[in-house]
Protein backbone atom coordinates (compact mmCIF):
# COMPACT_ATOMS: atom_id res chain seq x y z
CA MET A 1 20.36 -3.51 -15.71
CA ALA A 2 19.09 -6.86 -15.00
CA ARG A 3 15.26 -7.16 -15.27
CA ASN A 4 13.25 -8.06 -12.09
CA LYS A 5 11.04 -11.04 -12.72
CA HIS A 6 8.63 -10.01 -9.64
CA PRO A 7 7.62 -6.72 -10.19
CA GLU A 8 4.39 -7.03 -8.49
CA GLU A 9 6.84 -8.02 -5.39
CA THR A 10 9.08 -4.50 -5.88
CA VAL A 11 5.27 -2.63 -5.99
CA HIS A 12 4.08 -4.90 -3.10
CA PHE A 13 7.49 -3.68 -1.06
CA ILE A 14 6.40 -0.12 -2.24
CA LEU A 15 3.19 0.53 -0.68
CA ASP A 16 4.39 -1.36 2.27
CA ALA A 17 7.42 0.92 3.42
CA ALA A 18 4.64 4.20 1.84
CA PHE A 19 1.64 3.12 4.32
CA ARG A 20 3.73 2.66 7.56
CA LEU A 21 5.77 6.47 6.62
CA PHE A 22 2.46 7.67 5.77
CA ILE A 23 0.94 6.61 9.72
CA GLU A 24 4.27 7.86 11.14
CA LYS A 25 5.42 10.89 8.95
CA GLY A 26 2.25 12.01 7.57
CA TYR A 27 1.59 11.73 3.53
CA GLU A 28 2.90 15.33 3.43
CA ARG A 29 5.74 14.80 5.74
CA THR A 30 6.82 11.83 4.03
CA SER A 31 9.44 11.98 0.55
CA ILE A 32 10.10 9.91 -2.57
CA GLN A 33 13.19 9.80 -0.42
CA ASP A 34 12.16 8.36 2.52
CA ILE A 35 10.29 5.59 0.68
CA ILE A 36 13.53 4.89 -0.90
CA ASP A 37 15.34 4.96 2.19
CA GLN A 38 13.11 2.49 3.70
CA LEU A 39 13.33 -0.20 0.52
CA GLY A 40 17.32 -1.29 1.74
CA GLY A 41 18.63 -1.09 -1.70
CA LEU A 42 16.04 -0.20 -4.50
CA SER A 43 16.56 3.22 -6.38
CA LYS A 44 14.36 6.05 -7.73
CA GLY A 45 14.24 4.79 -10.60
CA ALA A 46 12.74 1.59 -9.79
CA ILE A 47 9.26 3.49 -7.78
CA TYR A 48 9.48 5.87 -10.88
CA HIS A 49 9.10 2.83 -13.14
CA HIS A 50 5.81 1.09 -11.16
CA PHE A 51 4.27 4.79 -9.79
CA LYS A 52 4.56 8.60 -11.45
CA SER A 53 4.64 10.26 -8.78
CA LYS A 54 4.15 10.10 -4.62
CA GLU A 55 0.27 10.95 -4.94
CA ASP A 56 0.27 7.56 -7.39
CA ILE A 57 1.46 5.70 -4.28
CA LEU A 58 -0.64 7.96 -2.25
CA ALA A 59 -3.83 5.92 -4.37
CA ALA A 60 -2.70 2.32 -4.94
CA VAL A 61 -1.84 2.30 -0.65
CA THR A 62 -5.51 3.72 -0.72
CA GLU A 63 -6.76 1.73 -3.26
CA ARG A 64 -4.81 -1.33 -1.81
CA MET A 65 -6.27 -0.29 1.96
CA THR A 66 -9.92 0.08 0.20
CA ASP A 67 -9.68 -3.57 -1.61
CA ALA A 68 -8.67 -5.07 1.93
CA TYR A 69 -12.11 -3.53 3.69
CA ARG A 70 -14.13 -4.81 1.45
CA HIS A 71 -12.86 -8.42 1.32
CA LEU A 72 -13.21 -8.21 4.99
CA GLN A 73 -16.70 -6.80 4.57
CA PRO A 74 -18.62 -10.09 3.24
CA ASP A 75 -17.64 -11.47 6.97
CA ARG A 76 -18.58 -8.58 9.23
CA LEU A 77 -22.10 -8.63 7.64
CA LYS A 78 -21.79 -12.30 8.04
CA ARG A 79 -21.27 -12.30 11.91
CA GLN A 80 -23.57 -9.33 11.93
CA ARG A 81 -26.56 -10.95 10.47
CA LYS A 82 -26.21 -13.38 12.66
CA THR A 83 -25.93 -11.35 15.62
CA GLU A 84 -29.63 -9.89 14.38
CA ASN A 85 -31.30 -12.68 14.34
CA TYR A 86 -30.21 -13.39 18.46
CA PHE A 87 -32.53 -10.79 19.07
């Protein structure tokens, strides 16, 4: 079995597919098999290599969204402060 040279890309791919499905179908109605079906040939083993469960995938999706929000937050605060200075 060939070793994946870019595991972070695989994780990114899994999280993207899971996020889309969680939005479209909801977390409860999304199965691991649904996620696999979106991965274009990645195996169930590939998912379980990176994540222990669907709950772990949800935690990673949530963490990714939180990190993205935190990254954007300073820019929003700067804009808000500039607006407040006008009044």
